[in-house]
C-alpha atoms as a PDB file:
ATOM      1  CA  UNK A   1     -12.378  66.735  93.722  1.00  0.00           C
ATOM      2  CA  UNK A   2     -11.854  63.495  91.884  1.00  0.00           C
ATOM      3  CA  UNK A   3     -13.247  60.347  93.417  1.00  0.00           C
ATOM      4  CA  UNK A   4     -11.252  57.179  92.856  1.00  0.00           C
ATOM      5  CA  UNK A   5     -12.731  53.752  93.290  1.00  0.00           C
ATOM      6  CA  UNK A   6     -11.552  51.629  96.168  1.00  0.00           C
ATOM      7  CA  UNK A   7     -10.415  48.978  93.698  1.00  0.00           C
ATOM      8  CA  UNK A   8      -8.001  51.380  92.002  1.00  0.00           C
ATOM      9  CA  UNK A   9      -6.598  52.557  95.329  1.00  0.00           C
ATOM     10  CA  UNK A  10      -6.155  48.997  96.565  1.00  0.00           C
ATOM     11  CA  UNK A  11      -4.586  47.878  93.313  1.00  0.00           C
ATOM     12  CA  UNK A  12      -1.942  50.566  93.706  1.00  0.00           C
ATOM     13  CA  UNK A  13      -1.377  49.720  97.353  1.00  0.00           C
ATOM     14  CA  UNK A  14      -1.166  45.990  96.708  1.00  0.00           C
ATOM     15  CA  UNK A  15       1.202  46.551  93.817  1.00  0.00           C
ATOM     16  CA  UNK A  16       3.585  48.305  96.181  1.00  0.00           C
ATOM     17  CA  UNK A  17       3.341  45.749  98.963  1.00  0.00           C
ATOM     18  CA  UNK A  18       3.295  42.551  96.905  1.00  0.00           C
ATOM     19  CA  UNK A  19       5.761  43.285  94.134  1.00  0.00           C
ATOM     20  CA  UNK A  20       8.902  41.293  94.468  1.00  0.00           C
ATOM     21  CA  UNK A  21       7.841  39.564  97.660  1.00  0.00           C
ATOM     22  CA  UNK A  22       8.188  35.803  97.903  1.00  0.00           C
ATOM     23  CA  UNK A  23       5.122  33.545  98.057  1.00  0.00           C
ATOM     24  CA  UNK A  24       3.603  33.831 101.483  1.00  0.00           C
ATOM     25  CA  UNK A  25       2.282  30.947 103.533  1.00  0.00           C
ATOM     26  CA  UNK A  26      -1.145  32.521 103.729  1.00  0.00           C
ATOM     27  CA  UNK A  27      -3.674  34.066 101.479  1.00  0.00           C
ATOM     28  CA  UNK A  28      -5.472  36.926 103.133  1.00  0.00           C
ATOM     29  CA  UNK A  29      -8.507  34.928 104.189  1.00  0.00           C
ATOM     30  CA  UNK A  30      -6.999  31.580 105.207  1.00  0.00           C
ATOM     31  CA  UNK A  31      -3.749  29.841 106.154  1.00  0.00           C
ATOM     32  CA  UNK A  32      -2.149  28.012 103.224  1.00  0.00           C
ATOM     33  CA  UNK A  33      -0.205  25.786 105.628  1.00  0.00           C
ATOM     34  CA  UNK A  34      -3.362  24.150 107.038  1.00  0.00           C
ATOM     35  CA  UNK A  35      -3.478  20.410 106.446  1.00  0.00           C
ATOM     36  CA  UNK A  36      -7.211  20.423 105.674  1.00  0.00           C
ATOM     37  CA  UNK A  37      -7.292  22.913 102.793  1.00  0.00           C
ATOM     38  CA  UNK A  38     -10.258  22.621 100.460  1.00  0.00           C
ATOM     39  CA  UNK A  39      -9.630  22.160  96.729  1.00  0.00           C
ATOM     40  CA  UNK A  40     -10.295  25.841  95.939  1.00  0.00           C
ATOM     41  CA  UNK A  41      -7.984  26.972  98.739  1.00  0.00           C
ATOM     42  CA  UNK A  42      -5.120  24.762  97.486  1.00  0.00           C
ATOM     43  CA  UNK A  43      -5.393  26.266  94.014  1.00  0.00           C
ATOM     44  CA  UNK A  44      -5.544  29.804  95.431  1.00  0.00           C
ATOM     45  CA  UNK A  45      -2.413  29.168  97.504  1.00  0.00           C
ATOM     46  CA  UNK A  46      -0.556  27.724  94.504  1.00  0.00           C
ATOM     47  CA  UNK A  47      -1.619  30.339  91.940  1.00  0.00           C
ATOM     48  CA  UNK A  48      -0.070  33.752  92.563  1.00  0.00           C
ATOM     49  CA  UNK A  49      -2.736  35.715  90.678  1.00  0.00           C
ATOM     50  CA  UNK A  50      -5.505  34.016  92.662  1.00  0.00           C
ATOM     51  CA  UNK A  51      -3.625  34.525  95.908  1.00  0.00           C
ATOM     52  CA  UNK A  52      -3.269  38.223  95.057  1.00  0.00           C
ATOM     53  CA  UNK A  53      -6.979  38.403  94.166  1.00  0.00           C
ATOM     54  CA  UNK A  54      -7.795  36.874  97.551  1.00  0.00           C
ATOM     55  CA  UNK A  55      -5.653  39.474  99.318  1.00  0.00           C
ATOM     56  CA  UNK A  56      -7.335  42.274  97.382  1.00  0.00           C
ATOM     57  CA  UNK A  57     -10.819  40.878  97.992  1.00  0.00           C
ATOM     58  CA  UNK A  58     -10.457  40.414 101.731  1.00  0.00           C
ATOM     59  CA  UNK A  59      -8.710  43.781 102.157  1.00  0.00           C
ATOM     60  CA  UNK A  60     -11.487  45.521 100.245  1.00  0.00           C
ATOM     61  CA  UNK A  61     -14.110  43.626 102.241  1.00  0.00           C
ATOM     62  CA  UNK A  62     -12.473  44.585 105.554  1.00  0.00           C
ATOM     63  CA  UNK A  63     -12.252  48.251 104.581  1.00  0.00           C
ATOM     64  CA  UNK A  64     -15.870  48.319 103.454  1.00  0.00           C
ATOM     65  CA  UNK A  65     -17.188  46.652 106.587  1.00  0.00           C
ATOM     66  CA  UNK A  66     -15.365  49.209 108.701  1.00  0.00           C
ATOM     67  CA  UNK A  67     -16.981  52.064 106.740  1.00  0.00           C
ATOM     68  CA  UNK A  68     -20.549  50.746 106.740  1.00  0.00           C
ATOM     69  CA  UNK A  69     -23.366  51.166 109.194  1.00  0.00           C
ATOM     70  CA  UNK A  70     -24.324  48.012 111.119  1.00  0.00           C
ATOM     71  CA  UNK A  71     -27.338  47.072 108.960  1.00  0.00           C
ATOM     72  CA  UNK A  72     -25.426  47.313 105.709  1.00  0.00           C
ATOM     73  CA  UNK A  73     -22.417  45.596 107.257  1.00  0.00           C
ATOM     74  CA  UNK A  74     -24.529  42.540 108.052  1.00  0.00           C
ATOM     75  CA  UNK A  75     -25.859  42.467 104.510  1.00  0.00           C
ATOM     76  CA  UNK A  76     -22.329  42.635 103.107  1.00  0.00           C
ATOM     77  CA  UNK A  77     -21.228  39.809 105.425  1.00  0.00           C
ATOM     78  CA  UNK A  78     -24.183  37.678 104.313  1.00  0.00           C
ATOM     79  CA  UNK A  79     -23.290  38.318 100.659  1.00  0.00           C
ATOM     80  CA  UNK A  80     -19.700  37.304 101.421  1.00  0.00           C
ATOM     81  CA  UNK A  81     -20.874  33.972 102.862  1.00  0.00           C
ATOM     82  CA  UNK A  82     -22.933  33.287  99.735  1.00  0.00           C
ATOM     83  CA  UNK A  83     -19.967  34.223  97.532  1.00  0.00           C
ATOM     84  CA  UNK A  84     -17.613  31.935  99.481  1.00  0.00           C
ATOM     85  CA  UNK A  85     -19.917  28.993  98.779  1.00  0.00           C
ATOM     86  CA  UNK A  86     -19.835  29.837  95.062  1.00  0.00           C
ATOM     87  CA  UNK A  87     -16.038  30.085  95.188  1.00  0.00           C
ATOM     88  CA  UNK A  88     -15.800  26.722  96.932  1.00  0.00           C
ATOM     89  CA  UNK A  89     -17.989  25.185  94.222  1.00  0.00           C
ATOM     90  CA  UNK A  90     -15.246  26.051  91.697  1.00  0.00           C
ATOM     91  CA  UNK A  91     -13.002  23.432  93.262  1.00  0.00           C
ATOM     92  CA  UNK A  92      -9.738  23.234  91.286  1.00  0.00           C
ATOM     93  CA  UNK A  93     -11.073  25.153  88.255  1.00  0.00           C
ATOM     94  CA  UNK A  94      -8.699  28.133  87.951  1.00  0.00           C
ATOM     95  CA  UNK A  95     -10.854  29.991  85.415  1.00  0.00           C
ATOM     96  CA  UNK A  96     -13.935  29.588  87.597  1.00  0.00           C
ATOM     97  CA  UNK A  97     -11.972  30.970  90.564  1.00  0.00           C
ATOM     98  CA  UNK A  98     -10.700  33.920  88.513  1.00  0.00           C
ATOM     99  CA  UNK A  99     -14.237  34.709  87.417  1.00  0.00           C
ATOM    100  CA  UNK A 100     -15.525  34.403  90.997  1.00  0.00           C
ATOM    101  CA  UNK A 101     -12.931  36.861  92.291  1.00  0.00           C
ATOM    102  CA  UNK A 102     -13.556  39.256  89.411  1.00  0.00           C
ATOM    103  CA  UNK A 103     -17.280  39.188  90.110  1.00  0.00           C
ATOM    104  CA  UNK A 104     -16.839  39.708  93.861  1.00  0.00           C
ATOM    105  CA  UNK A 105     -14.386  42.565  93.438  1.00  0.00           C
ATOM    106  CA  UNK A 106     -16.847  44.310  91.104  1.00  0.00           C
ATOM    107  CA  UNK A 107     -19.598  43.857  93.707  1.00  0.00           C
ATOM    108  CA  UNK A 108     -17.392  45.279  96.461  1.00  0.00           C
ATOM    109  CA  UNK A 109     -16.366  48.208  94.280  1.00  0.00           C
ATOM    110  CA  UNK A 110     -20.041  48.917  93.603  1.00  0.00           C
ATOM    111  CA  UNK A 111     -20.796  48.736  97.334  1.00  0.00           C
ATOM    112  CA  UNK A 112     -18.055  51.315  97.928  1.00  0.00           C
ATOM    113  CA  UNK A 113     -19.473  53.623  95.277  1.00  0.00           C
ATOM    114  CA  UNK A 114     -22.890  53.396  96.950  1.00  0.00           C
ATOM    115  CA  UNK A 115     -21.706  54.158 100.495  1.00  0.00           C
ATOM    116  CA  UNK A 116     -23.663  56.897 102.228  1.00  0.00           C
ATOM    117  CA  UNK A 117     -21.304  59.808 102.696  1.00  0.00           C
ATOM    118  CA  UNK A 118     -21.885  62.954 104.703  1.00  0.00           C
ATOM    119  CA  UNK A 119     -22.366  66.056 102.596  1.00  0.00           C
END
């Protein structure tokens, strides 16, 4: 049986759900209509590829946390908090944000590959 990575599966799913849809008022992890958006959040809301990366990241994160045992789930949540601080440090730098999302998605994909599975 072939094992596909979670990133590939989510990419296909997101391609079906996001193609042709108008810009939404929210990225997956925050509300783009909030008055107090941080600089990184404004850029993510205004840049479709970053918005899509945010949707993919938070969806992957949510799926992973639901599949993990409590101890590993806490570790993944702690890593997410550290990553969010790094993302926020990018401010309005689009390339920095793209790199941050690329890095985090690779980390989440690796976490999926390393999940303990029953035999």
